[in-house]
Structure formats: structure tokens, C-alpha cells
């Protein structure tokens, strides 16, 4: 009878403990004990990173907090408004 390569997976109190464990253990020995995970990926969406002056970043963050929205949402809204204005001027 063939012996299973799966080793019993211990319980961990935190993700840090799990990471520490796999620094010294072969994850391949635990593959069958790990849960199957499925997720969707939106490969059409891209994230672009732009540098902001520190004072602008602080002001945007403050305004976003007052509006209770993420800073990135506020920045995107403002850019859409400005681009729309420029498109009207150029037309």
C-alpha cells in the first residue's frame, strides 16, 4: 500500500506563525492538507502609480477622510472632472 505524502497540518494562532513554520518546512509535504482556493482576477484593470508632492498627499488624505471615502476614489473623481472640463474646452 502506497504511503500518503501528506503530513498533518498543525494549527497556527496567526499568519506570522504560519509563515515562520514554512520558513523551515517543505510546503510540498502539506499540499493535500491545504484548502483549495478559487478567485477571480480582473486582468483588464491596471493600476498606475504616480508620485504626489507630500503636501498634496496630506491634503487629499484629509479631504478624503472628511468625505469618508478612500483617497484613491477622491483622486479618480477629481481627475475625471478635470479631464471632462478639458474635453469641453478642446471641443
N, C-alpha and C. Protein backbone atom coordinates (compact mmCIF):
# COMPACT_ATOMS: atom_id res chain seq x y z
N UNK A 1 0.84 -1.18 0.00
CA UNK A 1 0.00 0.00 0.00
C UNK A 1 0.89 1.25 0.00
N UNK A 2 0.60 2.20 -0.90
CA UNK A 2 1.41 3.41 -1.02
C UNK A 2 1.16 4.34 0.16
N UNK A 3 2.22 4.88 0.69
CA UNK A 3 2.11 5.79 1.82
C UNK A 3 1.80 7.19 1.31
N UNK A 4 0.85 7.88 1.92
CA UNK A 4 0.49 9.24 1.54
C UNK A 4 1.63 10.19 1.91
N UNK A 5 1.92 11.13 1.04
CA UNK A 5 2.97 12.12 1.30
C UNK A 5 2.47 13.26 2.17
N UNK A 6 1.15 13.32 2.39
CA UNK A 6 0.58 14.42 3.15
C UNK A 6 0.92 14.27 4.63
N UNK A 7 1.44 15.33 5.20
CA UNK A 7 1.73 15.38 6.62
C UNK A 7 0.64 16.22 7.27
N UNK A 8 0.26 15.85 8.50
CA UNK A 8 -0.78 16.59 9.22
C UNK A 8 -0.37 18.06 9.39
N UNK A 9 -1.29 18.95 9.05
CA UNK A 9 -1.03 20.39 9.14
C UNK A 9 -1.32 20.86 10.57
N UNK A 10 -0.33 21.44 11.26
CA UNK A 10 -0.58 21.96 12.60
C UNK A 10 -1.47 23.20 12.55
N UNK A 11 -2.06 23.55 13.68
CA UNK A 11 -2.88 24.76 13.79
C UNK A 11 -1.96 25.92 14.18
N UNK A 12 -2.28 27.11 13.67
CA UNK A 12 -1.46 28.29 13.95
C UNK A 12 -2.33 29.39 14.53
N UNK A 13 -1.76 30.16 15.45
CA UNK A 13 -2.51 31.24 16.09
C UNK A 13 -2.49 32.53 15.28
N UNK A 14 -1.60 32.58 14.27
CA UNK A 14 -1.52 33.80 13.46
C UNK A 14 -0.87 33.47 12.12
N UNK A 15 -1.04 34.39 11.17
CA UNK A 15 -0.38 34.23 9.87
C UNK A 15 1.14 34.30 10.02
N UNK A 16 1.60 35.09 10.97
CA UNK A 16 3.05 35.17 11.21
C UNK A 16 3.61 33.82 11.64
N UNK A 17 2.88 33.12 12.51
CA UNK A 17 3.32 31.79 12.96
C UNK A 17 3.32 30.81 11.79
N UNK A 18 2.32 30.90 10.93
CA UNK A 18 2.26 30.05 9.74
C UNK A 18 3.47 30.31 8.84
N UNK A 19 3.77 31.59 8.61
CA UNK A 19 4.91 31.95 7.77
C UNK A 19 6.22 31.45 8.37
N UNK A 20 6.36 31.60 9.69
CA UNK A 20 7.57 31.10 10.36
C UNK A 20 7.72 29.59 10.17
N UNK A 21 6.60 28.87 10.29
CA UNK A 21 6.62 27.42 10.15
C UNK A 21 7.15 27.02 8.77
N UNK A 22 6.64 27.67 7.73
CA UNK A 22 7.04 27.29 6.37
C UNK A 22 8.42 27.81 5.97
N UNK A 23 9.03 28.63 6.82
CA UNK A 23 10.43 29.00 6.58
C UNK A 23 11.35 27.81 6.82
N UNK A 24 10.90 26.87 7.65
CA UNK A 24 11.73 25.71 8.00
C UNK A 24 11.13 24.38 7.57
N UNK A 25 9.98 24.39 6.90
CA UNK A 25 9.32 23.16 6.47
C UNK A 25 9.01 23.23 4.98
N UNK A 26 8.96 22.09 4.34
CA UNK A 26 8.66 21.99 2.92
C UNK A 26 7.15 22.02 2.71
N UNK A 27 6.67 23.07 2.05
CA UNK A 27 5.23 23.20 1.82
C UNK A 27 4.68 22.03 0.99
N UNK A 28 5.52 21.43 0.16
CA UNK A 28 5.10 20.31 -0.67
C UNK A 28 4.59 19.13 0.14
N UNK A 29 5.07 18.99 1.36
CA UNK A 29 4.61 17.90 2.22
C UNK A 29 3.21 18.14 2.76
N UNK A 30 2.70 19.35 2.61
CA UNK A 30 1.41 19.72 3.19
C UNK A 30 0.38 20.11 2.13
N UNK A 31 0.69 19.93 0.85
CA UNK A 31 -0.20 20.37 -0.23
C UNK A 31 -1.61 19.82 -0.10
N UNK A 32 -1.74 18.52 0.19
CA UNK A 32 -3.07 17.92 0.28
C UNK A 32 -3.84 18.41 1.50
N UNK A 33 -3.16 18.93 2.49
CA UNK A 33 -3.82 19.42 3.70
C UNK A 33 -4.28 20.87 3.55
N UNK A 34 -3.80 21.55 2.53
CA UNK A 34 -4.18 22.95 2.32
C UNK A 34 -5.52 23.02 1.58
N UNK A 35 -6.37 23.97 1.94
CA UNK A 35 -7.67 24.08 1.26
C UNK A 35 -7.51 24.60 -0.17
N UNK A 36 -8.40 24.16 -1.04
CA UNK A 36 -8.41 24.67 -2.40
C UNK A 36 -8.97 26.08 -2.38
N UNK A 37 -8.35 26.97 -3.10
CA UNK A 37 -8.77 28.37 -3.13
C UNK A 37 -9.06 28.76 -4.56
N UNK A 38 -10.19 29.41 -4.78
CA UNK A 38 -10.55 29.91 -6.10
C UNK A 38 -10.82 31.41 -6.00
N UNK A 39 -10.38 32.14 -6.99
CA UNK A 39 -10.63 33.58 -7.01
C UNK A 39 -10.61 34.07 -8.45
N UNK A 40 -11.27 35.19 -8.66
CA UNK A 40 -11.33 35.80 -9.99
C UNK A 40 -10.29 36.91 -10.06
N UNK A 41 -9.72 37.06 -11.22
CA UNK A 41 -8.74 38.12 -11.45
C UNK A 41 -9.23 38.97 -12.62
N UNK A 42 -9.28 40.26 -12.42
CA UNK A 42 -9.66 41.18 -13.48
C UNK A 42 -8.39 41.61 -14.20
N UNK A 43 -8.05 40.88 -15.26
CA UNK A 43 -6.79 41.16 -15.95
C UNK A 43 -6.87 42.39 -16.85
N UNK A 44 -8.05 42.95 -17.01
CA UNK A 44 -8.20 44.13 -17.86
C UNK A 44 -7.88 45.41 -17.10
N UNK A 45 -7.98 45.36 -15.79
CA UNK A 45 -7.74 46.55 -14.98
C UNK A 45 -6.25 46.69 -14.68
N UNK A 46 -5.76 47.89 -14.79
CA UNK A 46 -4.36 48.17 -14.49
C UNK A 46 -4.29 49.27 -13.44
N UNK A 47 -3.30 49.19 -12.62
CA UNK A 47 -3.05 50.22 -11.63
C UNK A 47 -1.80 50.99 -12.05
N UNK A 48 -1.91 52.29 -12.04
CA UNK A 48 -0.77 53.15 -12.38
C UNK A 48 -0.39 53.93 -11.12
N UNK A 49 0.88 54.06 -10.91
CA UNK A 49 1.37 54.75 -9.73
C UNK A 49 1.97 56.09 -10.14
N UNK A 50 1.51 57.14 -9.47
CA UNK A 50 2.01 58.49 -9.72
C UNK A 50 2.50 59.08 -8.40
N UNK A 51 3.58 59.80 -8.45
CA UNK A 51 4.11 60.45 -7.25
C UNK A 51 3.36 61.76 -7.01
N UNK A 52 3.01 62.01 -5.75
CA UNK A 52 2.38 63.26 -5.36
C UNK A 52 3.33 64.00 -4.42
N UNK A 53 3.30 65.32 -4.51
CA UNK A 53 4.03 66.11 -3.53
C UNK A 53 3.45 65.79 -2.15
N UNK A 54 4.29 65.79 -1.15
CA UNK A 54 3.87 65.42 0.21
C UNK A 54 2.70 66.27 0.70
N UNK A 55 2.78 67.59 0.46
CA UNK A 55 1.70 68.46 0.94
C UNK A 55 0.38 68.16 0.24
N UNK A 56 0.43 67.83 -1.06
CA UNK A 56 -0.80 67.47 -1.77
C UNK A 56 -1.37 66.16 -1.24
N UNK A 57 -0.52 65.19 -1.00
CA UNK A 57 -0.97 63.89 -0.49
C UNK A 57 -1.65 64.05 0.86
N UNK A 58 -1.08 64.89 1.72
CA UNK A 58 -1.67 65.12 3.04
C UNK A 58 -3.03 65.79 2.92
N UNK A 59 -3.14 66.77 2.03
CA UNK A 59 -4.41 67.48 1.85
C UNK A 59 -5.48 66.56 1.26
N UNK A 60 -5.10 65.76 0.28
CA UNK A 60 -6.05 64.81 -0.32
C UNK A 60 -6.53 63.82 0.74
N UNK A 61 -5.60 63.32 1.54
CA UNK A 61 -5.95 62.36 2.59
C UNK A 61 -6.93 62.98 3.58
N UNK A 62 -6.67 64.22 3.98
CA UNK A 62 -7.55 64.90 4.93
C UNK A 62 -8.95 65.09 4.35
N UNK A 63 -9.03 65.55 3.12
CA UNK A 63 -10.34 65.76 2.47
C UNK A 63 -11.07 64.43 2.32
N UNK A 64 -10.36 63.39 1.92
CA UNK A 64 -10.98 62.07 1.75
C UNK A 64 -11.52 61.56 3.09
N UNK A 65 -10.79 61.79 4.16
CA UNK A 65 -11.26 61.36 5.48
C UNK A 65 -12.52 62.10 5.88
N UNK A 66 -12.58 63.40 5.61
CA UNK A 66 -13.77 64.19 5.91
C UNK A 66 -14.97 63.66 5.11
N UNK A 67 -14.73 63.33 3.84
CA UNK A 67 -15.80 62.80 2.98
C UNK A 67 -16.08 61.32 3.24
N UNK A 68 -15.23 60.70 4.05
CA UNK A 68 -15.33 59.27 4.39
C UNK A 68 -15.29 58.39 3.14
N UNK A 69 -14.33 58.68 2.28
CA UNK A 69 -14.08 57.86 1.09
C UNK A 69 -12.58 57.61 0.98
N UNK A 70 -12.18 56.56 0.30
CA UNK A 70 -10.75 56.32 0.11
C UNK A 70 -10.11 57.44 -0.72
N UNK A 71 -8.88 57.74 -0.41
CA UNK A 71 -8.15 58.79 -1.14
C UNK A 71 -8.13 58.51 -2.64
N UNK A 72 -7.92 57.26 -3.02
CA UNK A 72 -7.84 56.92 -4.45
C UNK A 72 -9.16 57.21 -5.16
N UNK A 73 -10.28 57.02 -4.46
CA UNK A 73 -11.58 57.33 -5.07
C UNK A 73 -11.72 58.83 -5.29
N UNK A 74 -11.31 59.61 -4.31
CA UNK A 74 -11.37 61.07 -4.43
C UNK A 74 -10.49 61.55 -5.58
N UNK A 75 -9.28 61.04 -5.65
CA UNK A 75 -8.36 61.42 -6.73
C UNK A 75 -8.94 61.08 -8.09
N UNK A 76 -9.50 59.88 -8.23
CA UNK A 76 -10.11 59.49 -9.51
C UNK A 76 -11.29 60.38 -9.87
N UNK A 77 -12.12 60.72 -8.88
CA UNK A 77 -13.26 61.62 -9.15
C UNK A 77 -12.77 62.98 -9.64
N UNK A 78 -11.77 63.53 -8.97
CA UNK A 78 -11.25 64.84 -9.35
C UNK A 78 -10.62 64.80 -10.74
N UNK A 79 -9.88 63.76 -11.03
CA UNK A 79 -9.26 63.66 -12.35
C UNK A 79 -10.31 63.53 -13.45
N UNK A 80 -11.36 62.74 -13.20
CA UNK A 80 -12.44 62.62 -14.19
C UNK A 80 -13.10 63.97 -14.46
N UNK A 81 -13.36 64.73 -13.38
CA UNK A 81 -13.96 66.05 -13.53
C UNK A 81 -13.06 66.97 -14.35
N UNK A 82 -11.79 66.99 -14.03
CA UNK A 82 -10.85 67.88 -14.72
C UNK A 82 -10.69 67.48 -16.19
N UNK A 83 -10.61 66.19 -16.46
CA UNK A 83 -10.49 65.72 -17.85
C UNK A 83 -11.75 66.05 -18.63
N UNK A 84 -12.91 65.92 -17.99
CA UNK A 84 -14.17 66.26 -18.65
C UNK A 84 -14.21 67.76 -18.99
N UNK A 85 -13.76 68.59 -18.06
CA UNK A 85 -13.69 70.04 -18.31
C UNK A 85 -12.77 70.34 -19.49
N UNK A 86 -11.61 69.73 -19.52
CA UNK A 86 -10.65 69.96 -20.59
C UNK A 86 -11.19 69.49 -21.94
N UNK A 87 -11.93 68.40 -21.93
CA UNK A 87 -12.51 67.89 -23.18
C UNK A 87 -13.53 68.88 -23.73
N UNK A 88 -14.30 69.53 -22.85
CA UNK A 88 -15.29 70.52 -23.28
C UNK A 88 -14.61 71.75 -23.87
N UNK A 89 -13.51 72.18 -23.26
CA UNK A 89 -12.76 73.34 -23.73
C UNK A 89 -12.14 73.05 -25.09
N UNK A 90 -11.63 71.85 -25.26
CA UNK A 90 -10.97 71.46 -26.51
C UNK A 90 -11.95 71.25 -27.65
N UNK A 91 -13.22 71.01 -27.32
CA UNK A 91 -14.21 70.72 -28.37
C UNK A 91 -14.67 71.96 -29.09
